[in-house]
Amino acid sequence: MSFLKTIFDFYINSSIHVALAVYAFARMTALYFGITYQEDLDYFIFFATISGYNFVKYAGVAKLHHMSLTKNLRVIQLFSLACFIAMCWYAYQLPIRTLLFFVPFGVLTVLYAVPFLSGFQKNLRNIGHLKILVIALIWAAVTVLLPIYHVEDPIGTNVILLTIQRFLIVVVLILPFDIRDLKYDEISLQTIPQKIGVPQTKKFGLALMLFAITIEFIIVPNPAFKNVYMIFFFVILVFLMRAKEAQPKYYSSFFVESIPIFWWLSLLIIQ
């Protein structure tokens, strides 16, 4: 049992789970717009997510404690290096135009972790209100705009609306994390729960999801897709409304981040 828990913790801490969630969102975009399977792009997104998230989470720790890293962190570093190499391999398979489209969002990820403001003391994460917006923007762009741009489909009204919807959904999925981290986040971060409190944060999330569901019924002609969306609309709301500061260990990091994965699998089943 201890071995299985170690494997599961590695799965979570090494960002494999969050990478699967991003991958699932990208594959959902393909289903919505009838895009054929793009193996090189999808694996590039998957490995880039692991590389980016682990860089953001562990770069500072590794710099400060390079000589005294725990065994687990060393394993994650080596795993991240392997994923970075895999990302580079799949990037090599992609056309230059796709990579150039991705570059601004890759730079945003780096600037999220690397101090470059106020005499190299602050990064984007340290700027009030920006944390959640940057994450949601990157997720929405990489999982909607990038797959569409890669296959040279026009970025029309429906694509823009889906990008906005994806942005809103990701913001709502981040809210349980921000509620959990209330006791740890610095006041200067000005996260939504810090700014308006937990009850108002949940109402704010509900408002965003109502906006998102309106977009779904505008852009999606497939009634089966709408039915699946309705199911996960309520699933997201349940997890948001039950979120609190004292959460079970895996409430946000596993269960909330599982929602896009099961949403995508549900769409595959009805296909």
C-alpha atoms as a PDB file:
ATOM      1  CA  MET A   1       0.000   0.000   0.000  1.00  0.00           C
ATOM      2  CA  SER A   2       2.868   2.356   0.824  1.00  0.00           C
ATOM      3  CA  PHE A   3       4.405   1.649  -2.588  1.00  0.00           C
ATOM      4  CA  LEU A   4       1.125   2.464  -4.367  1.00  0.00           C
ATOM      5  CA  LYS A   5       0.833   5.728  -2.423  1.00  0.00           C
ATOM      6  CA  THR A   6       4.390   6.637  -3.403  1.00  0.00           C
ATOM      7  CA  ILE A   7       3.550   6.017  -7.066  1.00  0.00           C
ATOM      8  CA  PHE A   8       0.325   8.009  -6.791  1.00  0.00           C
ATOM      9  CA  ASP A   9       2.070  10.931  -5.078  1.00  0.00           C
ATOM     10  CA  PHE A  10       4.698  10.923  -7.821  1.00  0.00           C
ATOM     11  CA  TYR A  11       1.908  10.952 -10.406  1.00  0.00           C
ATOM     12  CA  ILE A  12       0.446  14.070  -8.786  1.00  0.00           C
ATOM     13  CA  ASN A  13       3.669  15.850  -7.789  1.00  0.00           C
ATOM     14  CA  SER A  14       5.389  15.323 -11.133  1.00  0.00           C
ATOM     15  CA  SER A  15       2.467  17.061 -12.907  1.00  0.00           C
ATOM     16  CA  ILE A  16       1.448  14.035 -14.980  1.00  0.00           C
ATOM     17  CA  HIS A  17      -2.145  14.442 -13.818  1.00  0.00           C
ATOM     18  CA  VAL A  18      -2.404  18.131 -14.703  1.00  0.00           C
ATOM     19  CA  ALA A  19      -0.744  17.387 -18.066  1.00  0.00           C
ATOM     20  CA  LEU A  20      -3.438  14.796 -18.769  1.00  0.00           C
ATOM     21  CA  ALA A  21      -6.065  17.440 -17.972  1.00  0.00           C
ATOM     22  CA  VAL A  22      -4.506  19.872 -20.459  1.00  0.00           C
ATOM     23  CA  TYR A  23      -4.179  17.070 -23.022  1.00  0.00           C
ATOM     24  CA  ALA A  24      -7.851  16.195 -22.489  1.00  0.00           C
ATOM     25  CA  PHE A  25      -8.927  19.787 -23.133  1.00  0.00           C
ATOM     26  CA  ALA A  26      -6.890  19.858 -26.364  1.00  0.00           C
ATOM     27  CA  ARG A  27      -8.485  16.593 -27.501  1.00  0.00           C
ATOM     28  CA  MET A  28     -11.939  17.998 -26.660  1.00  0.00           C
ATOM     29  CA  THR A  29     -11.262  20.909 -29.005  1.00  0.00           C
ATOM     30  CA  ALA A  30     -10.466  18.409 -31.750  1.00  0.00           C
ATOM     31  CA  LEU A  31     -13.786  16.638 -31.117  1.00  0.00           C
ATOM     32  CA  TYR A  32     -15.739  19.906 -31.139  1.00  0.00           C
ATOM     33  CA  PHE A  33     -14.288  20.986 -34.486  1.00  0.00           C
ATOM     34  CA  GLY A  34     -13.832  17.604 -36.157  1.00  0.00           C
ATOM     35  CA  ILE A  35     -10.045  17.762 -36.217  1.00  0.00           C
ATOM     36  CA  THR A  36      -8.245  14.493 -36.927  1.00  0.00           C
ATOM     37  CA  TYR A  37      -5.801  13.149 -34.348  1.00  0.00           C
ATOM     38  CA  GLN A  38      -2.615  15.248 -34.329  1.00  0.00           C
ATOM     39  CA  GLU A  39      -0.154  12.997 -32.504  1.00  0.00           C
ATOM     40  CA  ASP A  40       2.889  15.283 -32.649  1.00  0.00           C
ATOM     41  CA  LEU A  41       0.985  18.339 -31.407  1.00  0.00           C
ATOM     42  CA  ASP A  42      -0.924  16.482 -28.685  1.00  0.00           C
ATOM     43  CA  TYR A  43       2.211  14.871 -27.250  1.00  0.00           C
ATOM     44  CA  PHE A  44       4.042  18.186 -27.523  1.00  0.00           C
ATOM     45  CA  ILE A  45       1.294  19.808 -25.419  1.00  0.00           C
ATOM     46  CA  PHE A  46       1.416  16.955 -22.898  1.00  0.00           C
ATOM     47  CA  PHE A  47       5.187  17.020 -22.364  1.00  0.00           C
ATOM     48  CA  ALA A  48       5.341  20.823 -22.502  1.00  0.00           C
ATOM     49  CA  THR A  49       2.770  20.956 -19.692  1.00  0.00           C
ATOM     50  CA  ILE A  50       4.835  18.645 -17.484  1.00  0.00           C
ATOM     51  CA  SER A  51       8.019  20.594 -18.241  1.00  0.00           C
ATOM     52  CA  GLY A  52       6.364  23.957 -17.654  1.00  0.00           C
ATOM     53  CA  TYR A  53       4.530  23.056 -14.458  1.00  0.00           C
ATOM     54  CA  ASN A  54       7.539  21.369 -12.896  1.00  0.00           C
ATOM     55  CA  PHE A  55       9.722  24.327 -13.817  1.00  0.00           C
ATOM     56  CA  VAL A  56       7.272  26.688 -12.136  1.00  0.00           C
ATOM     57  CA  LYS A  57       6.886  24.466  -9.047  1.00  0.00           C
ATOM     58  CA  TYR A  58      10.452  23.320  -8.460  1.00  0.00           C
ATOM     59  CA  ALA A  59      12.915  25.692 -10.167  1.00  0.00           C
ATOM     60  CA  GLY A  60      13.193  27.972  -7.131  1.00  0.00           C
ATOM     61  CA  VAL A  61      13.436  25.063  -4.730  1.00  0.00           C
ATOM     62  CA  ALA A  62      16.163  23.400  -6.763  1.00  0.00           C
ATOM     63  CA  LYS A  63      18.140  26.641  -6.931  1.00  0.00           C
ATOM     64  CA  LEU A  64      17.996  27.191  -3.191  1.00  0.00           C
ATOM     65  CA  HIS A  65      18.612  23.601  -2.107  1.00  0.00           C
ATOM     66  CA  HIS A  66      20.587  22.119  -4.970  1.00  0.00           C
ATOM     67  CA  MET A  67      22.962  20.157  -2.736  1.00  0.00           C
ATOM     68  CA  SER A  68      20.318  18.886  -0.363  1.00  0.00           C
ATOM     69  CA  LEU A  69      17.463  17.871  -2.619  1.00  0.00           C
ATOM     70  CA  THR A  70      15.336  15.049  -1.362  1.00  0.00           C
ATOM     71  CA  LYS A  71      15.344  11.800  -3.292  1.00  0.00           C
ATOM     72  CA  ASN A  72      11.781  12.406  -4.500  1.00  0.00           C
ATOM     73  CA  LEU A  73      12.637  15.834  -5.849  1.00  0.00           C
ATOM     74  CA  ARG A  74      15.704  14.504  -7.615  1.00  0.00           C
ATOM     75  CA  VAL A  75      13.542  11.855  -9.287  1.00  0.00           C
ATOM     76  CA  ILE A  76      11.071  14.547 -10.380  1.00  0.00           C
ATOM     77  CA  GLN A  77      13.956  16.613 -11.767  1.00  0.00           C
ATOM     78  CA  LEU A  78      15.208  13.687 -13.833  1.00  0.00           C
ATOM     79  CA  PHE A  79      11.673  12.901 -14.975  1.00  0.00           C
ATOM     80  CA  SER A  80      11.161  16.557 -15.946  1.00  0.00           C
ATOM     81  CA  LEU A  81      14.381  16.489 -17.948  1.00  0.00           C
ATOM     82  CA  ALA A  82      13.182  13.392 -19.816  1.00  0.00           C
ATOM     83  CA  CYS A  83       9.843  15.126 -20.515  1.00  0.00           C
ATOM     84  CA  PHE A  84      11.659  18.245 -21.725  1.00  0.00           C
ATOM     85  CA  ILE A  85      13.678  16.118 -24.151  1.00  0.00           C
ATOM     86  CA  ALA A  86      10.443  14.462 -25.348  1.00  0.00           C
ATOM     87  CA  MET A  87       8.884  17.914 -25.751  1.00  0.00           C
ATOM     88  CA  CYS A  88      11.841  19.006 -27.894  1.00  0.00           C
ATOM     89  CA  TRP A  89      11.538  15.855 -30.001  1.00  0.00           C
ATOM     90  CA  TYR A  90       7.868  16.486 -30.745  1.00  0.00           C
ATOM     91  CA  ALA A  91       8.547  20.191 -31.269  1.00  0.00           C
ATOM     92  CA  TYR A  92      11.033  19.165 -33.974  1.00  0.00           C
ATOM     93  CA  GLN A  93       8.190  17.358 -35.768  1.00  0.00           C
ATOM     94  CA  LEU A  94       5.954  20.448 -35.776  1.00  0.00           C
ATOM     95  CA  PRO A  95       5.932  23.187 -38.429  1.00  0.00           C
ATOM     96  CA  ILE A  96       7.685  26.447 -37.558  1.00  0.00           C
ATOM     97  CA  ARG A  97       4.425  28.407 -37.733  1.00  0.00           C
ATOM     98  CA  THR A  98       2.918  26.238 -34.959  1.00  0.00           C
ATOM     99  CA  LEU A  99       5.982  26.692 -32.746  1.00  0.00           C
ATOM    100  CA  LEU A 100       6.007  30.462 -33.308  1.00  0.00           C
ATOM    101  CA  PHE A 101       2.343  30.591 -32.269  1.00  0.00           C
ATOM    102  CA  PHE A 102       3.232  28.693 -29.086  1.00  0.00           C
ATOM    103  CA  VAL A 103       6.272  30.842 -28.185  1.00  0.00           C
ATOM    104  CA  PRO A 104       4.423  33.741 -26.432  1.00  0.00           C
ATOM    105  CA  PHE A 105       2.651  31.305 -24.127  1.00  0.00           C
ATOM    106  CA  GLY A 106       5.884  29.454 -23.398  1.00  0.00           C
ATOM    107  CA  VAL A 107       7.487  32.788 -22.504  1.00  0.00           C
ATOM    108  CA  LEU A 108       4.529  33.609 -20.232  1.00  0.00           C
ATOM    109  CA  THR A 109       5.103  30.312 -18.418  1.00  0.00           C
ATOM    110  CA  VAL A 110       8.779  31.157 -17.866  1.00  0.00           C
ATOM    111  CA  LEU A 111       7.973  34.693 -16.677  1.00  0.00           C
ATOM    112  CA  TYR A 112       5.394  33.227 -14.287  1.00  0.00           C
ATOM    113  CA  ALA A 113       8.271  31.644 -12.360  1.00  0.00           C
ATOM    114  CA  VAL A 114      11.367  33.747 -13.144  1.00  0.00           C
ATOM    115  CA  PRO A 115      11.688  37.139 -11.382  1.00  0.00           C
ATOM    116  CA  PHE A 116      12.088  39.959 -13.898  1.00  0.00           C
ATOM    117  CA  LEU A 117      10.275  42.901 -12.274  1.00  0.00           C
ATOM    118  CA  SER A 118      11.169  45.281  -9.418  1.00  0.00           C
ATOM    119  CA  GLY A 119      14.894  44.687  -9.639  1.00  0.00           C
ATOM    120  CA  PHE A 120      14.411  40.991 -10.467  1.00  0.00           C
ATOM    121  CA  GLN A 121      12.497  40.431  -7.239  1.00  0.00           C
ATOM    122  CA  LYS A 122       9.051  39.716  -8.685  1.00  0.00           C
ATOM    123  CA  ASN A 123       7.596  37.387 -11.298  1.00  0.00           C
ATOM    124  CA  LEU A 124       4.114  37.350 -12.816  1.00  0.00           C
ATOM    125  CA  ARG A 125       2.823  35.152  -9.993  1.00  0.00           C
ATOM    126  CA  ASN A 126       3.723  37.840  -7.455  1.00  0.00           C
ATOM    127  CA  ILE A 127       1.595  40.499  -9.138  1.00  0.00           C
ATOM    128  CA  GLY A 128      -1.856  40.836  -7.621  1.00  0.00           C
ATOM    129  CA  HIS A 129      -4.742  39.379  -9.656  1.00  0.00           C
ATOM    130  CA  LEU A 130      -2.477  38.078 -12.444  1.00  0.00           C
ATOM    131  CA  LYS A 131      -1.896  34.522 -11.217  1.00  0.00           C
ATOM    132  CA  ILE A 132      -5.269  33.074 -12.176  1.00  0.00           C
ATOM    133  CA  LEU A 133      -5.539  35.120 -15.386  1.00  0.00           C
ATOM    134  CA  VAL A 134      -2.147  33.990 -16.705  1.00  0.00           C
ATOM    135  CA  ILE A 135      -2.845  30.307 -16.031  1.00  0.00           C
ATOM    136  CA  ALA A 136      -6.318  30.434 -17.607  1.00  0.00           C
ATOM    137  CA  LEU A 137      -5.020  32.354 -20.638  1.00  0.00           C
ATOM    138  CA  ILE A 138      -2.250  29.819 -21.281  1.00  0.00           C
ATOM    139  CA  TRP A 139      -4.597  26.844 -20.892  1.00  0.00           C
ATOM    140  CA  ALA A 140      -7.236  28.387 -23.176  1.00  0.00           C
ATOM    141  CA  ALA A 141      -4.730  29.384 -25.870  1.00  0.00           C
ATOM    142  CA  VAL A 142      -2.829  26.088 -25.872  1.00  0.00           C
ATOM    143  CA  THR A 143      -5.903  23.847 -25.794  1.00  0.00           C
ATOM    144  CA  VAL A 144      -8.137  25.775 -28.221  1.00  0.00           C
ATOM    145  CA  LEU A 145      -6.257  28.248 -30.403  1.00  0.00           C
ATOM    146  CA  LEU A 146      -3.089  26.178 -30.886  1.00  0.00           C
ATOM    147  CA  PRO A 147      -4.843  23.011 -32.231  1.00  0.00           C
ATOM    148  CA  ILE A 148      -6.998  25.131 -34.560  1.00  0.00           C
ATOM    149  CA  TYR A 149      -4.034  27.160 -35.810  1.00  0.00           C
ATOM    150  CA  HIS A 150      -1.941  24.010 -36.276  1.00  0.00           C
ATOM    151  CA  VAL A 151      -4.378  22.474 -38.787  1.00  0.00           C
ATOM    152  CA  GLU A 152      -4.816  25.873 -40.483  1.00  0.00           C
ATOM    153  CA  ASP A 153      -8.523  26.085 -39.768  1.00  0.00           C
ATOM    154  CA  PRO A 154      -9.847  29.669 -39.634  1.00  0.00           C
ATOM    155  CA  ILE A 155     -10.069  31.212 -36.179  1.00  0.00           C
ATOM    156  CA  GLY A 156     -13.673  32.306 -36.504  1.00  0.00           C
ATOM    157  CA  THR A 157     -16.390  33.318 -34.080  1.00  0.00           C
ATOM    158  CA  ASN A 158     -16.993  29.819 -32.697  1.00  0.00           C
ATOM    159  CA  VAL A 159     -13.290  29.318 -32.010  1.00  0.00           C
ATOM    160  CA  ILE A 160     -13.084  32.639 -30.185  1.00  0.00           C
ATOM    161  CA  LEU A 161     -16.200  31.810 -28.161  1.00  0.00           C
ATOM    162  CA  LEU A 162     -14.811  28.382 -27.223  1.00  0.00           C
ATOM    163  CA  THR A 163     -11.547  30.065 -26.174  1.00  0.00           C
ATOM    164  CA  ILE A 164     -13.494  32.423 -23.915  1.00  0.00           C
ATOM    165  CA  GLN A 165     -15.499  29.499 -22.527  1.00  0.00           C
ATOM    166  CA  ARG A 166     -12.347  27.470 -21.884  1.00  0.00           C
ATOM    167  CA  PHE A 167     -10.793  30.483 -20.129  1.00  0.00           C
ATOM    168  CA  LEU A 168     -13.838  30.811 -17.857  1.00  0.00           C
ATOM    169  CA  ILE A 169     -13.937  27.092 -17.047  1.00  0.00           C
ATOM    170  CA  VAL A 170     -10.237  27.031 -16.157  1.00  0.00           C
ATOM    171  CA  VAL A 171     -10.708  30.053 -13.878  1.00  0.00           C
ATOM    172  CA  VAL A 172     -13.497  28.177 -12.077  1.00  0.00           C
ATOM    173  CA  LEU A 173     -11.346  25.025 -11.799  1.00  0.00           C
ATOM    174  CA  ILE A 174      -8.578  27.102 -10.184  1.00  0.00           C
ATOM    175  CA  LEU A 175     -10.888  28.592  -7.534  1.00  0.00           C
ATOM    176  CA  PRO A 176     -10.873  25.460  -5.267  1.00  0.00           C
ATOM    177  CA  PHE A 177      -7.049  25.649  -5.300  1.00  0.00           C
ATOM    178  CA  ASP A 178      -7.128  29.318  -4.321  1.00  0.00           C
ATOM    179  CA  ILE A 179      -9.606  28.565  -1.537  1.00  0.00           C
ATOM    180  CA  ARG A 180      -7.321  25.769  -0.290  1.00  0.00           C
ATOM    181  CA  ASP A 181      -4.270  28.040  -0.373  1.00  0.00           C
ATOM    182  CA  LEU A 182      -5.856  30.956   1.499  1.00  0.00           C
ATOM    183  CA  LYS A 183      -3.761  30.240   4.582  1.00  0.00           C
ATOM    184  CA  TYR A 184      -0.526  30.015   2.564  1.00  0.00           C
ATOM    185  CA  ASP A 185      -0.796  32.709  -0.127  1.00  0.00           C
ATOM    186  CA  GLU A 186       0.718  36.115   0.573  1.00  0.00           C
ATOM    187  CA  ILE A 187      -1.796  38.956   0.828  1.00  0.00           C
ATOM    188  CA  SER A 188      -0.043  40.709  -2.055  1.00  0.00           C
ATOM    189  CA  LEU A 189      -1.209  37.965  -4.445  1.00  0.00           C
ATOM    190  CA  GLN A 190      -4.775  39.286  -4.132  1.00  0.00           C
ATOM    191  CA  THR A 191      -6.365  36.003  -5.174  1.00  0.00           C
ATOM    192  CA  ILE A 192     -10.122  36.050  -5.631  1.00  0.00           C
ATOM    193  CA  PRO A 193     -10.888  34.359  -2.257  1.00  0.00           C
ATOM    194  CA  GLN A 194      -8.518  36.816  -0.536  1.00  0.00           C
ATOM    195  CA  LYS A 195     -10.241  39.745  -2.212  1.00  0.00           C
ATOM    196  CA  ILE A 196     -13.922  38.870  -1.847  1.00  0.00           C
ATOM    197  CA  GLY A 197     -14.043  35.929   0.576  1.00  0.00           C
ATOM    198  CA  VAL A 198     -14.949  32.280   0.065  1.00  0.00           C
ATOM    199  CA  PRO A 199     -18.787  32.593  -0.186  1.00  0.00           C
ATOM    200  CA  GLN A 200     -18.541  35.363  -2.801  1.00  0.00           C
ATOM    201  CA  THR A 201     -15.874  33.407  -4.670  1.00  0.00           C
ATOM    202  CA  LYS A 202     -18.312  30.529  -5.069  1.00  0.00           C
ATOM    203  CA  LYS A 203     -21.010  32.882  -6.356  1.00  0.00           C
ATOM    204  CA  PHE A 204     -18.484  34.374  -8.766  1.00  0.00           C
ATOM    205  CA  GLY A 205     -17.625  30.891 -10.030  1.00  0.00           C
ATOM    206  CA  LEU A 206     -21.318  30.112 -10.530  1.00  0.00           C
ATOM    207  CA  ALA A 207     -21.743  33.298 -12.588  1.00  0.00           C
ATOM    208  CA  LEU A 208     -18.786  32.335 -14.803  1.00  0.00           C
ATOM    209  CA  MET A 209     -20.196  28.829 -15.348  1.00  0.00           C
ATOM    210  CA  LEU A 210     -23.600  30.263 -16.330  1.00  0.00           C
ATOM    211  CA  PHE A 211     -21.840  32.436 -18.885  1.00  0.00           C
ATOM    212  CA  ALA A 212     -19.888  29.382 -20.089  1.00  0.00           C
ATOM    213  CA  ILE A 213     -23.028  27.277 -20.500  1.00  0.00           C
ATOM    214  CA  THR A 214     -24.606  30.028 -22.599  1.00  0.00           C
ATOM    215  CA  ILE A 215     -21.617  29.862 -24.936  1.00  0.00           C
ATOM    216  CA  GLU A 216     -21.944  26.061 -25.130  1.00  0.00           C
ATOM    217  CA  PHE A 217     -25.500  26.279 -26.416  1.00  0.00           C
ATOM    218  CA  ILE A 218     -24.520  28.944 -28.956  1.00  0.00           C
ATOM    219  CA  ILE A 219     -21.585  27.147 -30.556  1.00  0.00           C
ATOM    220  CA  VAL A 220     -22.316  23.411 -30.247  1.00  0.00           C
ATOM    221  CA  PRO A 221     -24.869  21.881 -32.641  1.00  0.00           C
ATOM    222  CA  ASN A 222     -24.391  18.320 -31.297  1.00  0.00           C
ATOM    223  CA  PRO A 223     -27.069  17.687 -28.628  1.00  0.00           C
ATOM    224  CA  ALA A 224     -25.082  14.773 -27.159  1.00  0.00           C
ATOM    225  CA  PHE A 225     -22.124  17.106 -26.506  1.00  0.00           C
ATOM    226  CA  LYS A 226     -24.500  19.544 -24.806  1.00  0.00           C
ATOM    227  CA  ASN A 227     -25.835  16.769 -22.565  1.00  0.00           C
ATOM    228  CA  VAL A 228     -22.301  15.805 -21.524  1.00  0.00           C
ATOM    229  CA  TYR A 229     -21.534  19.457 -20.883  1.00  0.00           C
ATOM    230  CA  MET A 230     -24.560  19.730 -18.594  1.00  0.00           C
ATOM    231  CA  ILE A 231     -23.323  16.793 -16.527  1.00  0.00           C
ATOM    232  CA  PHE A 232     -19.905  18.312 -16.037  1.00  0.00           C
ATOM    233  CA  PHE A 233     -21.386  21.766 -15.488  1.00  0.00           C
ATOM    234  CA  PHE A 234     -22.992  20.379 -12.336  1.00  0.00           C
ATOM    235  CA  VAL A 235     -19.904  18.323 -11.407  1.00  0.00           C
ATOM    236  CA  ILE A 236     -17.737  21.454 -11.497  1.00  0.00           C
ATOM    237  CA  LEU A 237     -20.278  23.375  -9.423  1.00  0.00           C
ATOM    238  CA  VAL A 238     -20.452  20.604  -6.808  1.00  0.00           C
ATOM    239  CA  PHE A 239     -16.681  20.625  -6.366  1.00  0.00           C
ATOM    240  CA  LEU A 240     -16.608  24.418  -6.256  1.00  0.00           C
ATOM    241  CA  MET A 241     -19.410  24.711  -3.704  1.00  0.00           C
ATOM    242  CA  ARG A 242     -17.864  22.032  -1.461  1.00  0.00           C
ATOM    243  CA  ALA A 243     -14.384  23.590  -1.597  1.00  0.00           C
ATOM    244  CA  LYS A 244     -13.008  24.904   1.694  1.00  0.00           C
ATOM    245  CA  GLU A 245      -9.684  25.838   3.233  1.00  0.00           C
ATOM    246  CA  ALA A 246      -9.346  22.550   5.115  1.00  0.00           C
ATOM    247  CA  GLN A 247      -9.635  20.243   2.104  1.00  0.00           C
ATOM    248  CA  PRO A 248      -8.721  16.552   1.911  1.00  0.00           C
ATOM    249  CA  LYS A 249      -5.218  16.200   0.483  1.00  0.00           C
ATOM    250  CA  TYR A 250      -6.252  15.196  -3.030  1.00  0.00           C
ATOM    251  CA  TYR A 251      -9.501  17.173  -3.309  1.00  0.00           C
ATOM    252  CA  SER A 252      -8.153  19.802  -5.722  1.00  0.00           C
ATOM    253  CA  SER A 253      -4.906  18.254  -6.927  1.00  0.00           C
ATOM    254  CA  PHE A 254      -6.564  15.025  -8.081  1.00  0.00           C
ATOM    255  CA  PHE A 255     -10.354  15.171  -8.113  1.00  0.00           C
ATOM    256  CA  VAL A 256     -10.836  18.723  -9.442  1.00  0.00           C
ATOM    257  CA  GLU A 257      -8.095  18.237 -12.024  1.00  0.00           C
ATOM    258  CA  SER A 258      -9.701  14.944 -13.068  1.00  0.00           C
ATOM    259  CA  ILE A 259     -12.802  16.733 -14.374  1.00  0.00           C
ATOM    260  CA  PRO A 260     -11.407  17.583 -17.857  1.00  0.00           C
ATOM    261  CA  ILE A 261     -10.091  14.024 -18.235  1.00  0.00           C
ATOM    262  CA  PHE A 262     -13.437  12.366 -17.504  1.00  0.00           C
ATOM    263  CA  TRP A 263     -15.231  15.012 -19.577  1.00  0.00           C
ATOM    264  CA  TRP A 264     -13.072  14.108 -22.592  1.00  0.00           C
ATOM    265  CA  LEU A 265     -13.528  10.357 -21.992  1.00  0.00           C
ATOM    266  CA  SER A 266     -17.296  10.879 -21.840  1.00  0.00           C
ATOM    267  CA  LEU A 267     -17.219  12.641 -25.213  1.00  0.00           C
ATOM    268  CA  LEU A 268     -15.200   9.761 -26.649  1.00  0.00           C
ATOM    269  CA  ILE A 269     -17.765   7.257 -25.393  1.00  0.00           C
ATOM    270  CA  ILE A 270     -20.713   9.043 -27.025  1.00  0.00           C
ATOM    271  CA  GLN A 271     -18.731   9.252 -30.262  1.00  0.00           C
END
